[in-house]
Protein backbone atom coordinates (compact mmCIF):
# COMPACT_ATOMS: atom_id res chain seq x y z
CA MET A 1 148.93 71.45 183.83
CA ASP A 2 150.81 74.64 183.17
CA LEU A 3 151.53 75.62 179.58
CA TRP A 4 155.29 75.86 180.01
CA ASN A 5 155.49 72.37 181.59
CA HIS A 6 154.78 71.00 178.12
CA THR A 7 158.19 72.00 176.76
CA SER A 8 159.66 68.55 177.40
CA LEU A 9 157.11 66.98 175.08
CA SER A 10 157.28 66.83 171.31
CA ASP A 11 156.45 69.94 169.35
CA PHE A 12 153.22 70.31 167.43
CA ILE A 13 153.32 69.41 163.74
CA LEU A 14 151.50 71.79 161.38
CA LEU A 15 150.36 69.84 158.32
CA GLY A 16 150.16 73.12 156.43
CA LEU A 17 148.10 74.51 153.59
CA PHE A 18 150.03 73.24 150.57
CA SER A 19 151.78 70.15 149.29
CA TYR A 20 154.89 70.32 147.08
CA SER A 21 153.15 69.87 143.73
CA PRO A 22 153.67 72.53 141.00
CA TYR A 23 150.04 73.65 141.41
CA ASP A 24 150.39 74.12 145.17
CA PHE A 25 153.71 75.92 144.71
CA PHE A 26 151.87 78.36 142.43
CA LEU A 27 149.20 78.87 145.12
CA PHE A 28 151.91 79.37 147.73
CA THR A 29 153.45 82.07 145.52
CA LEU A 30 150.06 83.79 145.30
CA VAL A 31 149.75 83.73 149.09
CA LEU A 32 153.20 85.31 149.44
CA LEU A 33 152.25 88.02 146.93
CA ALA A 34 148.99 88.67 148.78
CA SER A 35 150.91 88.90 152.07
CA ALA A 36 153.40 91.33 150.53
CA ALA A 37 150.48 93.43 149.26
CA THR A 38 148.93 93.34 152.75
CA LEU A 39 152.19 94.49 154.32
CA ALA A 40 152.77 97.26 151.78
CA GLY A 41 149.14 98.43 151.68
CA ASN A 42 148.67 98.69 155.44
CA ILE A 43 152.06 100.30 156.09
CA LEU A 44 151.43 102.83 153.30
CA PHE A 45 147.99 103.55 154.77
CA LEU A 46 149.50 104.14 158.23
CA LEU A 47 152.18 106.43 156.78
CA LEU A 48 149.60 108.46 154.86
CA ILE A 49 147.51 108.96 158.00
CA GLN A 50 150.61 110.07 159.88
CA ALA A 51 151.86 112.37 157.09
CA ASP A 52 148.66 114.26 156.26
CA ARG A 53 147.13 116.43 158.99
CA ARG A 54 143.74 116.28 157.26
CA LEU A 55 143.64 112.59 158.19
CA HIS A 56 144.22 113.27 161.90
CA THR A 57 140.57 112.58 162.73
CA PRO A 58 138.84 109.91 164.83
CA MET A 59 137.74 107.96 161.75
CA TYR A 60 141.31 107.58 160.48
CA PHE A 61 142.60 106.92 163.98
CA PHE A 62 140.30 103.88 164.16
CA LEU A 63 141.30 102.88 160.63
CA SER A 64 144.95 102.97 161.67
CA GLN A 65 144.11 100.61 164.54
CA LEU A 66 142.36 98.30 162.09
CA SER A 67 145.51 98.26 159.93
CA ILE A 68 147.65 97.43 162.96
CA MET A 69 145.32 94.54 163.80
CA ASP A 70 145.48 93.27 160.21
CA LEU A 71 149.28 93.42 160.22
CA THR A 72 149.34 91.57 163.55
CA MET A 73 147.10 88.83 162.20
CA MET A 74 149.15 88.35 159.05
CA GLY A 75 152.48 88.56 160.90
CA THR A 76 151.35 85.89 163.36
CA VAL A 77 150.37 83.33 160.74
CA VAL A 78 152.11 83.82 157.38
CA PRO A 79 155.85 83.95 158.31
CA LYS A 80 155.72 80.62 160.17
CA MET A 81 153.65 79.02 157.42
CA ALA A 82 156.10 80.23 154.75
CA ALA A 83 159.17 79.21 156.78
CA ASN A 84 157.81 75.71 157.33
CA TYR A 85 156.92 75.29 153.66
CA LEU A 86 160.27 76.52 152.34
CA SER A 87 162.37 74.62 154.89
CA GLY A 88 160.36 71.41 154.72
CA SER A 89 159.96 71.48 158.50
CA LYS A 90 156.45 71.27 159.92
CA PHE A 91 157.24 71.75 163.60
CA ILE A 92 156.09 74.53 165.91
CA SER A 93 156.98 74.70 169.60
CA TRP A 94 154.39 74.79 172.36
CA GLY A 95 155.34 78.38 173.07
CA GLY A 96 155.07 79.32 169.39
CA CYS A 97 151.70 77.60 169.17
CA ALA A 98 150.48 79.44 172.28
CA ALA A 99 151.65 82.74 170.78
CA GLN A 100 149.66 82.09 167.61
CA VAL A 101 146.53 81.26 169.63
CA PHE A 102 146.99 84.41 171.71
CA PHE A 103 147.46 86.88 168.84
CA VAL A 104 144.87 85.38 166.48
CA VAL A 105 142.15 85.34 169.15
CA MET A 106 143.19 88.78 170.41
CA VAL A 107 142.92 90.36 166.96
CA GLY A 108 139.69 88.53 166.18
CA GLY A 109 137.98 89.72 169.35
CA GLY A 110 139.46 93.21 169.23
CA GLU A 111 138.54 93.80 165.60
CA CYS A 112 134.98 92.71 166.27
CA PHE A 113 134.49 95.46 168.86
CA LEU A 114 136.55 98.00 166.90
CA LEU A 115 134.13 97.68 163.97
CA GLY A 116 131.30 98.47 166.38
CA VAL A 117 133.18 101.55 167.61
CA MET A 118 133.78 102.66 164.02
CA SER A 119 130.07 102.38 163.21
CA TYR A 120 129.25 104.52 166.27
CA ASP A 121 131.80 107.08 165.05
CA ARG A 122 130.06 107.27 161.66
CA TYR A 123 126.66 107.55 163.38
CA VAL A 124 127.79 110.55 165.44
CA ALA A 125 129.47 112.17 162.41
CA VAL A 126 126.36 111.90 160.22
CA CYS A 127 123.53 112.26 162.73
CA HIS A 128 125.10 114.67 165.26
CA PRO A 129 127.76 116.64 163.33
CA LEU A 130 127.66 119.64 165.69
CA ARG A 131 128.27 117.46 168.75
CA TYR A 132 130.89 115.31 166.99
CA PRO A 133 133.98 117.14 168.38
CA VAL A 134 132.62 116.76 171.91
CA LEU A 135 131.37 113.17 171.73
CA MET A 136 134.36 111.89 169.75
CA ASN A 137 137.15 113.79 171.47
CA TRP A 138 140.59 112.18 171.57
CA LYS A 139 140.20 110.93 175.13
CA ALA A 140 136.95 109.14 174.24
CA CYS A 141 138.50 107.70 171.07
CA CYS A 142 141.54 106.38 172.94
CA LEU A 143 139.36 104.81 175.63
CA MET A 144 137.13 103.07 173.07
CA ASP A 145 140.17 101.85 171.18
CA LEU A 146 141.81 100.60 174.39
CA ALA A 147 138.59 98.82 175.34
CA SER A 148 138.58 97.02 171.99
CA TRP A 149 142.16 95.82 172.48
CA MET A 150 141.49 94.78 176.09
CA VAL A 151 138.45 92.72 175.07
CA GLY A 152 140.67 90.87 172.61
CA VAL A 153 143.47 90.39 175.16
CA THR A 154 141.06 89.09 177.83
CA ASP A 155 139.46 86.70 175.37
CA SER A 156 142.83 85.38 174.17
CA VAL A 157 144.19 84.86 177.70
CA ILE A 158 141.13 82.78 178.61
CA TYR A 159 141.32 80.73 175.41
CA MET A 160 145.06 80.10 175.72
CA GLY A 161 144.83 79.23 179.39
CA VAL A 162 142.07 76.67 178.88
CA VAL A 163 143.26 75.12 175.60
CA PHE A 164 146.70 74.30 176.98
CA THR A 165 145.38 72.72 180.16
CA PHE A 166 143.87 69.87 178.16
CA PRO A 167 146.07 66.75 177.86
CA TYR A 168 147.48 66.00 174.40
CA CYS A 169 148.49 62.36 174.71
CA GLY A 170 148.02 61.21 171.13
CA SER A 171 149.08 62.61 167.79
CA LEU A 172 150.29 66.21 167.78
CA GLN A 173 149.64 66.69 164.06
CA VAL A 174 147.56 69.84 163.64
CA ASP A 175 145.50 69.60 160.44
CA HIS A 176 145.93 73.31 159.76
CA PHE A 177 148.56 75.86 158.71
CA PHE A 178 148.63 77.55 162.12
CA CYS A 179 147.56 76.79 165.68
CA GLU A 180 143.85 77.54 165.68
CA VAL A 181 141.79 76.62 168.71
CA PRO A 182 139.30 74.20 167.05
CA ALA A 183 142.14 72.35 165.29
CA LEU A 184 144.00 71.93 168.60
CA LEU A 185 140.93 70.71 170.47
CA ARG A 186 140.57 67.83 168.00
CA LEU A 187 143.92 66.50 169.24
CA SER A 188 143.05 66.42 172.92
CA CYS A 189 142.41 63.05 174.50
CA ALA A 190 140.04 64.67 177.03
CA ASP A 191 136.38 65.54 176.55
CA THR A 192 136.39 69.13 175.23
CA SER A 193 132.69 69.29 174.32
CA LEU A 194 131.78 71.61 177.23
CA PHE A 195 134.56 74.05 176.33
CA GLU A 196 133.55 73.92 172.67
CA ASP A 197 129.98 74.80 173.63
CA LEU A 198 131.31 77.68 175.75
CA ILE A 199 133.41 78.90 172.79
CA TYR A 200 130.34 78.81 170.57
CA THR A 201 128.26 80.76 173.10
CA CYS A 202 131.05 83.28 173.72
CA CYS A 203 131.56 83.87 169.98
CA VAL A 204 127.84 84.35 169.38
CA VAL A 205 127.66 86.96 172.14
CA MET A 206 130.91 88.71 171.14
CA MET A 207 129.87 88.95 167.51
CA LEU A 208 126.20 89.83 168.01
CA LEU A 209 126.76 92.66 170.52
CA PRO A 210 128.92 94.76 168.13
CA LEU A 211 126.69 93.69 165.23
CA GLY A 212 123.72 95.13 167.10
CA VAL A 213 125.59 98.45 167.47
CA ILE A 214 126.49 98.37 163.76
CA VAL A 215 122.95 97.63 162.58
CA THR A 216 121.43 100.27 164.88
CA SER A 217 124.00 102.89 163.87
CA TYR A 218 123.52 102.35 160.16
CA ALA A 219 119.74 102.23 160.42
CA ARG A 220 119.87 105.71 161.99
CA ILE A 221 122.46 106.86 159.43
CA LEU A 222 120.23 105.71 156.58
CA MET A 223 117.27 107.63 158.00
CA ALA A 224 119.45 110.75 158.39
CA VAL A 225 120.82 110.45 154.83
CA ILE A 226 117.31 110.15 153.38
CA ARG A 227 116.39 113.45 155.06
CA MET A 228 119.49 115.27 153.79
CA PRO A 229 118.61 118.06 151.30
CA SER A 230 122.08 118.09 149.70
CA THR A 231 122.92 115.46 147.07
CA GLU A 232 126.63 116.01 147.69
CA GLY A 233 126.17 115.39 151.42
CA LYS A 234 124.26 112.18 150.74
CA GLN A 235 126.95 110.95 148.39
CA LYS A 236 129.78 111.70 150.83
CA ALA A 237 128.01 109.98 153.72
CA LEU A 238 127.11 106.92 151.67
CA THR A 239 130.63 106.57 150.23
CA THR A 240 132.27 106.63 153.65
CA CYS A 241 129.71 104.31 155.21
CA SER A 242 129.70 101.84 152.32
CA SER A 243 133.46 101.34 152.77
CA HIS A 244 132.94 100.50 156.43
CA LEU A 245 130.06 98.16 155.63
CA ALA A 246 132.23 96.33 153.09
CA VAL A 247 134.86 95.70 155.77
CA VAL A 248 132.14 94.61 158.22
CA GLY A 249 130.89 92.17 155.59
CA LEU A 250 134.38 90.71 155.13
CA TYR A 251 134.89 90.29 158.86
CA TYR A 252 131.50 88.88 159.75
CA GLY A 253 131.38 86.68 156.65
CA GLY A 254 134.51 84.84 157.75
CA GLY A 255 133.73 85.07 161.46
CA ILE A 256 130.26 83.57 161.23
CA PHE A 257 131.45 80.59 159.21
CA ASN A 258 134.54 80.07 161.34
CA TYR A 259 133.43 80.63 164.93
CA MET A 260 129.65 80.37 164.94
CA GLN A 261 129.51 76.80 163.68
CA LYS A 262 129.00 73.88 166.02
CA ALA A 263 132.05 71.61 166.36
CA SER A 264 130.15 68.74 164.74
CA ALA A 265 129.63 70.80 161.57
CA ARG A 266 133.29 71.75 161.13
CA THR A 267 135.78 70.07 158.81
CA PRO A 268 139.57 70.61 158.56
CA VAL A 269 139.29 71.55 154.88
CA GLY A 270 136.57 74.10 155.59
CA ASP A 271 138.52 75.54 158.53
CA ARG A 272 141.63 76.02 156.38
CA ALA A 273 139.67 77.72 153.61
CA ILE A 274 137.91 80.14 155.96
CA SER A 275 141.11 80.84 157.89
CA THR A 276 142.89 81.73 154.65
CA PHE A 277 140.16 84.27 154.03
CA TYR A 278 140.39 86.10 157.35
CA THR A 279 144.15 85.82 157.94
CA ILE A 280 145.38 86.68 154.41
CA LEU A 281 142.68 87.98 152.07
CA ALA A 282 140.71 90.28 154.38
CA PRO A 283 143.81 92.14 155.69
CA MET A 284 144.86 92.71 152.06
CA LEU A 285 141.45 94.02 150.98
CA ASN A 286 140.74 96.34 153.92
CA PRO A 287 143.20 99.14 152.99
CA LEU A 288 142.15 98.87 149.33
CA ILE A 289 138.49 99.31 150.23
CA TYR A 290 139.15 102.38 152.37
CA SER A 291 141.66 104.03 150.02
CA LEU A 292 140.15 103.47 146.57
CA ARG A 293 136.71 104.70 147.66
CA ASN A 294 137.99 107.62 149.73
CA ARG A 295 138.85 110.95 148.13
CA GLU A 296 140.73 112.22 151.20
CA VAL A 297 143.09 109.24 151.17
CA MET A 298 143.67 109.56 147.42
CA LYS A 299 144.42 113.28 147.83
CA ALA A 300 146.89 112.48 150.61
CA LEU A 301 148.56 109.86 148.40
CA LYS A 302 148.88 112.31 145.48
CA LYS A 303 150.30 114.92 147.84
CA VAL A 304 152.97 112.53 149.14
CA LEU A 305 153.84 111.34 145.63
CA GLY A 306 154.10 114.96 144.54
CA ARG A 307 156.67 115.63 147.31
CA TRP A 308 158.77 112.66 146.23
CA ARG A 309 158.84 113.85 142.62
CA VAL A 310 160.13 117.22 143.71
C-alpha cells in the first residue's frame, strides 16, 4: 500500500511527553528553553564559522554540518511537540508522520558517518600534518560530507518506505512525542518481527563501521601524541580530540540504547527518555562542547563581539 493512499484514514495520535500537571508544565518549559538554547547556540556557531576566516578549515566545515544536522533533528521534533501540547491537539497527519520518520532517520544515519569522517580528519591533522592540505582538500571534504548525508537519506527512504507499507488497522495512538519507527511498528496489525530484526542488524552495522574508524583513528592519534616532544602540541591535540570524543560519547550513548536494543527489551517510557536525550539535549550540548573547549572559537566570538561594541 502506498504511503499517500493512507490520507483517507484517521491521523496518528501522538500521546506526547507531558501531561498538564504543574510539574509537567515546568518540564515542558525546560524543554522549550533547551530548544531555544540549541537554536541560538548552533546558529551562533554557524555564523562564527562563516564570519572568521581562521575557521574556514575542514574541521570547522564538518562541525558546521554537525550543527545543521542538530538543527534539523530539533526542528523536526520539537515544534510539533510544542504545538500539540499548547493547543491540546495530539494529531499528526500521515504525511507529517512520514516526514518525521524521514528526517530523524536521515540525521541519525548521517551523523553517525559524519563523526567517523571527523575522526579521520583529526587523525590526518595530528599524524600527517604535512600531507593534511592534500588529503583533506575541499573536494575530498565535500565528497565525504555528501556521502554522510546520502547514507542518511538512503537509510531514511528505506525505513519510511517499509514502515508505511504495514497495515495499521487498530489504534493509531503513538506512545511517543514524535513518530519514531519502533513506536509505529507496535501499532501495526501485521507481523513486523522480521523487519525489526533487519533494523537491529542494520543499526549494528551502521554504528559499528564508523565506530571502528573512530577507535582506529584515535588509537593512532594517542600514539602520535605520546611521541610528541612539545607539551603545547600535546595539549592542543588532546583538547581538540577530547571535544570530538565527548560528542561521540553523546551520540553513541543514546544510539546504542535506542537502536541497538532488541524489540523485546524496549519500553515506551525508555524510548521517550532516550529520544529526549538525542533529539533535545545532545543538539544543545554539541556547540557548547566545541566552543567552550576551543580557543579558536572563543577568539572568533570575542572578535565578533568587539565589532558590535564599536
